[in-house]
Amino acid sequence: MTDQIHPLAPHHLPFFITAPGDTDILMVAMGVLLVAAVLAIGNFYLRLHSLPERIAHKSQKLQFEIVAILGLLALFTHIHLFWIAALLLAFIDIPDFGTPLRSIAESAERIADRNDTETKAAADAGDTLPTPRPVDSTPLARGSKEEEHSHA
């Protein structure tokens, strides 16, 4: 074969037309650019998608787990409402009800253990247990009959 241009072809060919058997540099460059663009857009999408989880990371464990589950549901189901709910939940500061309740429960356990210890010590010593006082169940034990009728 000859390296000569076909007689019917124009003499000034554009730079992107390659000779037969040569590497098409423009196609290789566009392939590399396409792979880089897909990876960059995918990275941006996943970082944007994990935004609620990164925001909720500093919050309570339960809230973080709920936000993470909503994020996964949004990722796999393509229901954007889950992502919006996760984002809103990540920004809301849920009050900590667990710590005070746990403290109350621990205090009640300590009181119960102390009462059990005192009861056992009194029983071992042969003492009789004190009888509890009866509780007055009338609604206005201190008030007069007129006050009781006036509230009715």
N, C-alpha and C. Protein backbone atom coordinates (compact mmCIF):
# COMPACT_ATOMS: atom_id res chain seq x y z
N MET A 1 0.84 -1.18 0.00
CA MET A 1 0.00 0.00 0.00
C MET A 1 0.88 1.24 0.00
N THR A 2 0.31 2.22 -0.49
CA THR A 2 1.04 3.48 -0.54
C THR A 2 0.47 4.42 0.51
N ASP A 3 1.31 5.33 0.98
CA ASP A 3 0.89 6.31 1.99
C ASP A 3 0.35 7.57 1.34
N GLN A 4 0.05 7.48 0.10
CA GLN A 4 -0.43 8.67 -0.60
C GLN A 4 -1.93 8.83 -0.38
N ILE A 5 -2.36 10.07 -0.40
CA ILE A 5 -3.77 10.39 -0.21
C ILE A 5 -4.51 10.05 -1.50
N HIS A 6 -5.72 9.58 -1.34
CA HIS A 6 -6.57 9.27 -2.49
C HIS A 6 -6.74 10.51 -3.34
N PRO A 7 -6.74 10.35 -4.64
CA PRO A 7 -6.81 11.54 -5.49
C PRO A 7 -8.11 12.34 -5.34
N LEU A 8 -9.20 11.70 -4.90
CA LEU A 8 -10.44 12.44 -4.76
C LEU A 8 -10.56 13.13 -3.39
N ALA A 9 -9.68 12.76 -2.42
CA ALA A 9 -9.72 13.37 -1.09
C ALA A 9 -9.16 14.78 -1.16
N PRO A 10 -9.68 15.67 -0.30
CA PRO A 10 -9.13 17.02 -0.30
C PRO A 10 -7.68 17.00 0.21
N HIS A 11 -6.92 17.94 -0.17
CA HIS A 11 -5.50 17.94 0.17
C HIS A 11 -5.26 18.46 1.59
N HIS A 12 -6.15 19.21 2.12
CA HIS A 12 -5.99 19.74 3.49
C HIS A 12 -6.98 19.05 4.41
N LEU A 13 -6.61 17.89 4.95
CA LEU A 13 -7.47 17.14 5.86
C LEU A 13 -7.41 17.75 7.27
N PRO A 14 -8.52 17.69 8.03
CA PRO A 14 -8.49 18.20 9.41
C PRO A 14 -7.55 17.34 10.27
N PHE A 15 -7.13 17.89 11.42
CA PHE A 15 -6.14 17.23 12.27
C PHE A 15 -6.66 15.95 12.91
N PHE A 16 -7.99 15.83 13.06
CA PHE A 16 -8.52 14.68 13.78
C PHE A 16 -8.69 13.45 12.89
N ILE A 17 -8.46 13.55 11.63
CA ILE A 17 -8.53 12.39 10.74
C ILE A 17 -7.15 11.75 10.72
N THR A 18 -7.10 10.49 11.09
CA THR A 18 -5.81 9.80 11.16
C THR A 18 -5.63 8.91 9.94
N ALA A 19 -4.41 8.61 9.72
CA ALA A 19 -4.08 7.72 8.59
C ALA A 19 -4.44 6.29 8.99
N PRO A 20 -4.69 5.43 8.03
CA PRO A 20 -5.01 4.04 8.35
C PRO A 20 -3.86 3.39 9.14
N GLY A 21 -4.25 2.70 10.24
CA GLY A 21 -3.25 2.01 11.05
C GLY A 21 -2.66 2.87 12.16
N ASP A 22 -2.90 4.16 12.19
CA ASP A 22 -2.39 5.04 13.25
C ASP A 22 -3.38 5.08 14.42
N THR A 23 -2.88 5.50 15.57
CA THR A 23 -3.71 5.61 16.76
C THR A 23 -4.52 6.90 16.69
N ASP A 24 -5.80 6.76 16.99
CA ASP A 24 -6.67 7.94 17.00
C ASP A 24 -6.52 8.60 18.37
N ILE A 25 -5.70 9.61 18.44
CA ILE A 25 -5.38 10.27 19.71
C ILE A 25 -6.61 10.98 20.27
N LEU A 26 -7.43 11.55 19.44
CA LEU A 26 -8.63 12.26 19.90
C LEU A 26 -9.61 11.27 20.56
N MET A 27 -9.75 10.08 19.99
CA MET A 27 -10.66 9.09 20.58
C MET A 27 -10.13 8.61 21.94
N VAL A 28 -8.84 8.41 22.06
CA VAL A 28 -8.24 7.99 23.32
C VAL A 28 -8.42 9.10 24.37
N ALA A 29 -8.20 10.34 23.98
CA ALA A 29 -8.35 11.47 24.91
C ALA A 29 -9.81 11.60 25.36
N MET A 30 -10.74 11.41 24.46
CA MET A 30 -12.15 11.50 24.82
C MET A 30 -12.55 10.32 25.71
N GLY A 31 -11.99 9.14 25.50
CA GLY A 31 -12.26 8.00 26.37
C GLY A 31 -11.77 8.25 27.78
N VAL A 32 -10.55 8.78 27.91
CA VAL A 32 -10.01 9.10 29.23
C VAL A 32 -10.85 10.18 29.90
N LEU A 33 -11.25 11.21 29.13
CA LEU A 33 -12.08 12.28 29.67
C LEU A 33 -13.46 11.73 30.11
N LEU A 34 -14.01 10.81 29.35
CA LEU A 34 -15.32 10.23 29.70
C LEU A 34 -15.21 9.42 31.00
N VAL A 35 -14.19 8.60 31.15
CA VAL A 35 -14.00 7.82 32.37
C VAL A 35 -13.79 8.76 33.56
N ALA A 36 -12.99 9.79 33.40
CA ALA A 36 -12.76 10.74 34.49
C ALA A 36 -14.04 11.48 34.86
N ALA A 37 -14.83 11.86 33.85
CA ALA A 37 -16.09 12.57 34.12
C ALA A 37 -17.08 11.67 34.84
N VAL A 38 -17.18 10.40 34.44
CA VAL A 38 -18.11 9.47 35.11
C VAL A 38 -17.68 9.26 36.56
N LEU A 39 -16.39 9.09 36.80
CA LEU A 39 -15.91 8.92 38.17
C LEU A 39 -16.12 10.18 39.01
N ALA A 40 -15.88 11.35 38.43
CA ALA A 40 -16.06 12.60 39.17
C ALA A 40 -17.53 12.85 39.50
N ILE A 41 -18.41 12.62 38.54
CA ILE A 41 -19.85 12.81 38.79
C ILE A 41 -20.36 11.78 39.79
N GLY A 42 -19.89 10.54 39.69
CA GLY A 42 -20.29 9.51 40.65
C GLY A 42 -19.81 9.85 42.05
N ASN A 43 -18.59 10.35 42.18
CA ASN A 43 -18.05 10.76 43.48
C ASN A 43 -18.87 11.92 44.05
N PHE A 44 -19.20 12.89 43.22
CA PHE A 44 -20.01 14.02 43.67
C PHE A 44 -21.40 13.55 44.11
N TYR A 45 -21.99 12.64 43.35
CA TYR A 45 -23.32 12.12 43.69
C TYR A 45 -23.30 11.39 45.03
N LEU A 46 -22.31 10.53 45.23
CA LEU A 46 -22.25 9.78 46.48
C LEU A 46 -21.94 10.69 47.68
N ARG A 47 -21.11 11.72 47.48
CA ARG A 47 -20.84 12.66 48.57
C ARG A 47 -22.08 13.48 48.90
N LEU A 48 -22.81 13.88 47.87
CA LEU A 48 -24.07 14.61 48.10
C LEU A 48 -25.09 13.69 48.75
N HIS A 49 -25.11 12.44 48.35
CA HIS A 49 -26.07 11.49 48.90
C HIS A 49 -25.78 11.19 50.37
N SER A 50 -24.52 11.21 50.77
CA SER A 50 -24.16 10.91 52.16
C SER A 50 -24.15 12.16 53.04
N LEU A 51 -24.56 13.28 52.51
CA LEU A 51 -24.58 14.53 53.28
C LEU A 51 -25.40 14.42 54.56
N PRO A 52 -26.63 13.87 54.54
CA PRO A 52 -27.38 13.76 55.81
C PRO A 52 -26.65 12.91 56.85
N GLU A 53 -26.00 11.84 56.42
CA GLU A 53 -25.28 10.99 57.37
C GLU A 53 -24.10 11.72 57.99
N ARG A 54 -23.40 12.50 57.18
CA ARG A 54 -22.26 13.26 57.73
C ARG A 54 -22.73 14.35 58.68
N ILE A 55 -23.90 14.93 58.43
CA ILE A 55 -24.43 15.94 59.34
C ILE A 55 -24.89 15.29 60.64
N ALA A 56 -25.56 14.14 60.54
CA ALA A 56 -26.10 13.47 61.73
C ALA A 56 -25.05 12.69 62.50
N HIS A 57 -23.83 12.63 61.99
CA HIS A 57 -22.79 11.84 62.65
C HIS A 57 -22.48 12.36 64.05
N LYS A 58 -22.64 13.67 64.27
CA LYS A 58 -22.34 14.24 65.58
C LYS A 58 -23.53 14.16 66.55
N SER A 59 -24.66 13.62 66.08
CA SER A 59 -25.84 13.54 66.93
C SER A 59 -25.88 12.20 67.65
N GLN A 60 -27.03 11.89 68.20
CA GLN A 60 -27.20 10.65 68.97
C GLN A 60 -27.12 9.43 68.05
N LYS A 61 -26.83 8.31 68.64
CA LYS A 61 -26.65 7.07 67.87
C LYS A 61 -27.93 6.65 67.17
N LEU A 62 -29.06 6.73 67.86
CA LEU A 62 -30.33 6.31 67.26
C LEU A 62 -30.69 7.21 66.08
N GLN A 63 -30.52 8.50 66.24
CA GLN A 63 -30.83 9.44 65.16
C GLN A 63 -29.91 9.19 63.97
N PHE A 64 -28.64 8.94 64.22
CA PHE A 64 -27.70 8.67 63.14
C PHE A 64 -28.08 7.41 62.38
N GLU A 65 -28.50 6.37 63.11
CA GLU A 65 -28.87 5.13 62.46
C GLU A 65 -30.14 5.29 61.61
N ILE A 66 -31.09 6.06 62.09
CA ILE A 66 -32.32 6.30 61.31
C ILE A 66 -31.98 7.07 60.04
N VAL A 67 -31.12 8.09 60.17
CA VAL A 67 -30.72 8.87 59.00
C VAL A 67 -29.97 7.98 58.00
N ALA A 68 -29.11 7.10 58.49
CA ALA A 68 -28.36 6.21 57.61
C ALA A 68 -29.30 5.25 56.87
N ILE A 69 -30.30 4.73 57.56
CA ILE A 69 -31.25 3.82 56.92
C ILE A 69 -32.07 4.56 55.87
N LEU A 70 -32.51 5.77 56.18
CA LEU A 70 -33.25 6.55 55.18
C LEU A 70 -32.38 6.85 53.97
N GLY A 71 -31.10 7.12 54.20
CA GLY A 71 -30.19 7.38 53.09
C GLY A 71 -30.01 6.15 52.21
N LEU A 72 -29.88 4.98 52.83
CA LEU A 72 -29.76 3.75 52.03
C LEU A 72 -31.04 3.45 51.25
N LEU A 73 -32.18 3.68 51.90
CA LEU A 73 -33.45 3.48 51.18
C LEU A 73 -33.55 4.42 49.98
N ALA A 74 -33.13 5.65 50.16
CA ALA A 74 -33.18 6.61 49.05
C ALA A 74 -32.22 6.20 47.94
N LEU A 75 -31.06 5.66 48.32
CA LEU A 75 -30.07 5.26 47.31
C LEU A 75 -30.56 4.09 46.47
N PHE A 76 -31.14 3.09 47.12
CA PHE A 76 -31.50 1.88 46.39
C PHE A 76 -32.89 1.91 45.78
N THR A 77 -33.79 2.74 46.31
CA THR A 77 -35.14 2.79 45.75
C THR A 77 -35.36 3.98 44.83
N HIS A 78 -34.45 4.93 44.85
CA HIS A 78 -34.56 6.18 44.06
C HIS A 78 -35.81 6.97 44.42
N ILE A 79 -36.25 6.84 45.66
CA ILE A 79 -37.35 7.66 46.16
C ILE A 79 -36.71 8.82 46.92
N HIS A 80 -36.74 9.98 46.33
CA HIS A 80 -36.02 11.13 46.87
C HIS A 80 -36.61 11.65 48.18
N LEU A 81 -37.84 11.26 48.46
CA LEU A 81 -38.48 11.69 49.70
C LEU A 81 -37.72 11.14 50.91
N PHE A 82 -37.16 9.94 50.80
CA PHE A 82 -36.36 9.37 51.89
C PHE A 82 -35.13 10.22 52.16
N TRP A 83 -34.48 10.70 51.09
CA TRP A 83 -33.28 11.53 51.25
C TRP A 83 -33.65 12.86 51.91
N ILE A 84 -34.76 13.44 51.49
CA ILE A 84 -35.21 14.70 52.07
C ILE A 84 -35.54 14.51 53.55
N ALA A 85 -36.23 13.41 53.87
CA ALA A 85 -36.55 13.12 55.28
C ALA A 85 -35.27 12.92 56.09
N ALA A 86 -34.29 12.24 55.52
CA ALA A 86 -33.02 12.03 56.22
C ALA A 86 -32.31 13.36 56.44
N LEU A 87 -32.34 14.24 55.46
CA LEU A 87 -31.69 15.54 55.60
C LEU A 87 -32.38 16.38 56.68
N LEU A 88 -33.71 16.39 56.68
CA LEU A 88 -34.44 17.15 57.70
C LEU A 88 -34.20 16.57 59.10
N LEU A 89 -34.19 15.25 59.21
CA LEU A 89 -33.95 14.61 60.50
C LEU A 89 -32.52 14.86 60.99
N ALA A 90 -31.59 14.99 60.06
CA ALA A 90 -30.20 15.25 60.44
C ALA A 90 -30.06 16.66 61.03
N PHE A 91 -30.85 17.59 60.55
CA PHE A 91 -30.75 18.97 61.04
C PHE A 91 -31.52 19.18 62.34
N ILE A 92 -32.48 18.32 62.64
CA ILE A 92 -33.28 18.47 63.86
C ILE A 92 -32.49 17.92 65.04
N ASP A 93 -32.47 18.66 66.11
CA ASP A 93 -31.79 18.21 67.32
C ASP A 93 -32.82 17.55 68.23
N ILE A 94 -32.82 16.23 68.28
CA ILE A 94 -33.78 15.49 69.10
C ILE A 94 -33.31 15.54 70.55
N PRO A 95 -34.20 15.90 71.49
CA PRO A 95 -33.79 15.94 72.90
C PRO A 95 -33.41 14.56 73.41
N ASP A 96 -32.51 14.54 74.37
CA ASP A 96 -32.03 13.29 74.94
C ASP A 96 -32.92 12.89 76.11
N PHE A 97 -33.86 11.99 75.86
CA PHE A 97 -34.74 11.50 76.91
C PHE A 97 -34.14 10.30 77.62
N GLY A 98 -33.23 9.62 76.97
CA GLY A 98 -32.69 8.38 77.50
C GLY A 98 -31.83 8.57 78.74
N THR A 99 -30.98 9.59 78.75
CA THR A 99 -30.06 9.78 79.87
C THR A 99 -30.80 10.09 81.17
N PRO A 100 -31.75 11.03 81.20
CA PRO A 100 -32.46 11.26 82.46
C PRO A 100 -33.26 10.04 82.91
N LEU A 101 -33.90 9.35 81.99
CA LEU A 101 -34.67 8.16 82.36
C LEU A 101 -33.76 7.07 82.89
N ARG A 102 -32.59 6.92 82.28
CA ARG A 102 -31.63 5.93 82.76
C ARG A 102 -31.15 6.29 84.16
N SER A 103 -30.93 7.58 84.41
CA SER A 103 -30.50 8.03 85.74
C SER A 103 -31.58 7.76 86.78
N ILE A 104 -32.84 8.01 86.41
CA ILE A 104 -33.94 7.74 87.32
C ILE A 104 -34.03 6.26 87.63
N ALA A 105 -33.88 5.42 86.61
CA ALA A 105 -33.95 3.98 86.81
C ALA A 105 -32.81 3.49 87.71
N GLU A 106 -31.61 4.02 87.49
CA GLU A 106 -30.48 3.61 88.33
C GLU A 106 -30.68 4.06 89.78
N SER A 107 -31.21 5.26 89.97
CA SER A 107 -31.47 5.74 91.33
C SER A 107 -32.54 4.89 92.00
N ALA A 108 -33.58 4.53 91.28
CA ALA A 108 -34.64 3.68 91.84
C ALA A 108 -34.09 2.31 92.21
N GLU A 109 -33.17 1.78 91.40
CA GLU A 109 -32.55 0.49 91.73
C GLU A 109 -31.72 0.60 92.99
N ARG A 110 -30.96 1.69 93.12
CA ARG A 110 -30.15 1.88 94.33
C ARG A 110 -31.03 1.99 95.57
N ILE A 111 -32.14 2.73 95.45
CA ILE A 111 -33.06 2.87 96.58
C ILE A 111 -33.67 1.52 96.92
N ALA A 112 -34.07 0.76 95.92
CA ALA A 112 -34.66 -0.55 96.15
C ALA A 112 -33.65 -1.49 96.80
N ASP A 113 -32.40 -1.44 96.35
CA ASP A 113 -31.37 -2.28 96.96
C ASP A 113 -31.13 -1.89 98.40
N ARG A 114 -31.12 -0.58 98.69
CA ARG A 114 -30.91 -0.11 100.06
C ARG A 114 -32.07 -0.54 100.95
N ASN A 115 -33.31 -0.43 100.47
CA ASN A 115 -34.47 -0.85 101.26
C ASN A 115 -34.45 -2.35 101.49
N ASP A 116 -34.05 -3.13 100.48
CA ASP A 116 -33.95 -4.58 100.66
C ASP A 116 -32.90 -4.92 101.70
N THR A 117 -31.78 -4.20 101.68
CA THR A 117 -30.71 -4.45 102.66
C THR A 117 -31.19 -4.11 104.06
N GLU A 118 -31.88 -2.97 104.22
CA GLU A 118 -32.40 -2.57 105.53
C GLU A 118 -33.45 -3.56 106.03
N THR A 119 -34.32 -4.03 105.13
CA THR A 119 -35.36 -4.98 105.51
C THR A 119 -34.75 -6.29 105.95
N LYS A 120 -33.74 -6.77 105.22
CA LYS A 120 -33.09 -8.02 105.59
C LYS A 120 -32.35 -7.88 106.92
N ALA A 121 -31.72 -6.74 107.13
CA ALA A 121 -30.99 -6.52 108.39
C ALA A 121 -31.97 -6.48 109.56
N ALA A 122 -33.12 -5.85 109.37
CA ALA A 122 -34.12 -5.77 110.44
C ALA A 122 -34.71 -7.16 110.70
N ALA A 123 -34.93 -7.93 109.66
CA ALA A 123 -35.48 -9.27 109.84
C ALA A 123 -34.48 -10.19 110.53
N ASP A 124 -33.20 -10.02 110.20
CA ASP A 124 -32.16 -10.83 110.85
C ASP A 124 -32.03 -10.49 112.33
N ALA A 125 -32.26 -9.22 112.66
CA ALA A 125 -32.14 -8.77 114.05
C ALA A 125 -33.38 -9.15 114.85
N GLY A 126 -34.43 -9.61 114.20
CA GLY A 126 -35.64 -10.01 114.90
C GLY A 126 -36.61 -8.86 115.11
N ASP A 127 -36.33 -7.72 114.55
CA ASP A 127 -37.23 -6.58 114.69
C ASP A 127 -38.46 -6.81 113.83
N THR A 128 -39.53 -6.21 114.24
CA THR A 128 -40.74 -6.27 113.43
C THR A 128 -40.70 -5.13 112.43
N LEU A 129 -41.24 -5.37 111.30
CA LEU A 129 -41.27 -4.33 110.27
C LEU A 129 -42.29 -3.27 110.63
N PRO A 130 -41.97 -2.02 110.38
CA PRO A 130 -42.95 -0.97 110.66
C PRO A 130 -44.14 -1.10 109.72
N THR A 131 -45.32 -0.87 110.24
CA THR A 131 -46.52 -0.95 109.41
C THR A 131 -46.69 0.36 108.67
N PRO A 132 -47.02 0.29 107.43
CA PRO A 132 -47.20 1.53 106.67
C PRO A 132 -48.45 2.27 107.12
N ARG A 133 -48.39 3.60 107.03
CA ARG A 133 -49.54 4.42 107.41
C ARG A 133 -50.59 4.35 106.33
N PRO A 134 -51.86 4.35 106.70
CA PRO A 134 -52.90 4.33 105.67
C PRO A 134 -52.95 5.68 104.95
N VAL A 135 -53.23 5.63 103.68
CA VAL A 135 -53.31 6.84 102.87
C VAL A 135 -54.76 7.26 102.79
N ASP A 136 -55.01 8.55 103.05
CA ASP A 136 -56.37 9.08 102.98
C ASP A 136 -56.75 9.26 101.53
N SER A 137 -57.79 8.61 101.07
CA SER A 137 -58.15 8.64 99.66
C SER A 137 -59.21 9.67 99.33
N THR A 138 -59.63 10.48 100.30
CA THR A 138 -60.63 11.51 100.00
C THR A 138 -59.96 12.61 99.23
N PRO A 139 -60.66 13.19 98.26
CA PRO A 139 -60.01 14.20 97.41
C PRO A 139 -59.63 15.47 98.16
N LEU A 140 -60.44 15.90 99.08
CA LEU A 140 -60.13 17.12 99.82
C LEU A 140 -60.10 16.79 101.31
N ALA A 141 -59.07 16.12 101.73
CA ALA A 141 -59.00 15.68 103.12
C ALA A 141 -58.88 16.86 104.07
N ARG A 142 -58.21 17.91 103.66
CA ARG A 142 -58.01 19.06 104.54
C ARG A 142 -59.12 20.10 104.40
N GLY A 143 -59.81 20.10 103.28
CA GLY A 143 -60.79 21.15 103.00
C GLY A 143 -62.13 20.86 103.66
N SER A 144 -62.99 21.83 103.58
CA SER A 144 -64.32 21.69 104.17
C SER A 144 -65.29 21.18 103.12
N LYS A 145 -66.48 20.88 103.56
CA LYS A 145 -67.52 20.39 102.65
C LYS A 145 -67.92 21.47 101.65
N GLU A 146 -67.86 22.75 102.05
CA GLU A 146 -68.25 23.82 101.14
C GLU A 146 -67.28 23.89 99.96
N GLU A 147 -65.98 23.71 100.22
CA GLU A 147 -65.00 23.74 99.13
C GLU A 147 -65.23 22.57 98.18
N GLU A 148 -65.62 21.44 98.73
CA GLU A 148 -65.85 20.27 97.89
C GLU A 148 -67.04 20.50 96.98
N HIS A 149 -68.09 21.14 97.46
CA HIS A 149 -69.28 21.41 96.64
C HIS A 149 -69.02 22.55 95.67
N SER A 150 -68.17 23.49 96.04
CA SER A 150 -67.95 24.64 95.16
C SER A 150 -67.13 24.22 93.92
N HIS A 151 -66.31 23.17 94.02
CA HIS A 151 -65.51 22.73 92.87
C HIS A 151 -66.32 21.84 91.95
N ALA A 152 -67.41 21.31 92.41
CA ALA A 152 -68.19 20.37 91.60
C ALA A 152 -69.03 21.08 90.60
